[in-house]
Protein backbone atom coordinates (compact mmCIF):
# COMPACT_ATOMS: atom_id res chain seq x y z
CA MET A 1 160.91 113.73 146.89
CA GLN A 2 158.89 114.14 143.73
CA THR A 3 157.91 117.63 144.82
CA VAL A 4 161.56 118.62 145.08
CA PHE A 5 162.21 117.05 141.67
CA PHE A 6 159.42 119.06 140.04
CA LEU A 7 160.44 122.30 141.78
CA VAL A 8 163.99 121.92 140.48
CA LEU A 9 162.65 121.06 137.04
CA ILE A 10 160.45 124.17 136.98
CA TRP A 11 163.36 126.34 138.19
CA ILE A 12 165.57 125.04 135.35
CA PHE A 13 162.73 125.63 132.87
CA ILE A 14 162.25 129.24 133.99
CA TYR A 15 165.97 129.99 133.90
CA THR A 16 166.42 128.48 130.43
CA PHE A 17 163.29 130.14 129.09
CA GLY A 18 164.64 133.48 130.34
CA PHE A 19 167.76 132.84 128.31
CA ALA A 20 165.58 132.16 125.25
CA VAL A 21 163.80 135.48 125.77
CA THR A 22 167.16 137.22 125.98
CA LEU A 23 168.20 135.62 122.70
CA TRP A 24 164.91 136.67 121.09
CA LYS A 25 165.41 140.29 122.16
CA GLY A 26 168.95 140.13 120.80
CA LYS A 27 167.62 139.35 117.31
CA GLN A 28 168.83 135.73 117.43
CA LYS A 29 165.47 134.21 116.67
CA LEU A 30 166.65 130.80 115.43
CA GLY A 31 168.71 130.23 118.57
CA ALA A 32 165.82 131.39 120.72
CA LEU A 33 163.45 128.93 119.04
CA ALA A 34 165.95 126.11 119.56
CA VAL A 35 166.32 126.94 123.25
CA MET A 36 162.52 127.19 123.64
CA GLY A 37 162.21 123.74 122.06
CA LEU A 38 164.77 122.47 124.55
CA CYS A 39 162.79 124.07 127.39
CA PHE A 40 159.55 122.40 126.44
CA THR A 41 161.30 119.07 125.91
CA LEU A 42 162.88 119.47 129.34
CA LEU A 43 159.44 120.05 130.82
CA ILE A 44 157.56 117.26 129.01
CA LEU A 45 159.93 114.28 128.95
CA PRO A 46 160.34 113.80 132.72
CA LEU A 47 156.57 113.67 133.06
CA PHE A 48 156.49 110.54 130.92
CA SER A 49 159.25 108.79 132.84
CA ASN A 50 158.52 109.93 136.40
CA VAL A 51 154.74 110.09 136.79
CA LYS A 52 153.06 106.74 137.30
């Protein structure tokens, strides 16, 4: 079950990071940085609460 959880988490990370790249290319650098921060938070926080 944890494998499925991490696969879904990685899929969400990749999708959201792609959106951040799109924002960066569209000259919206502040928004892109905010979304990248959200991406890395999304990736790091579950590791603290789910991994024993």
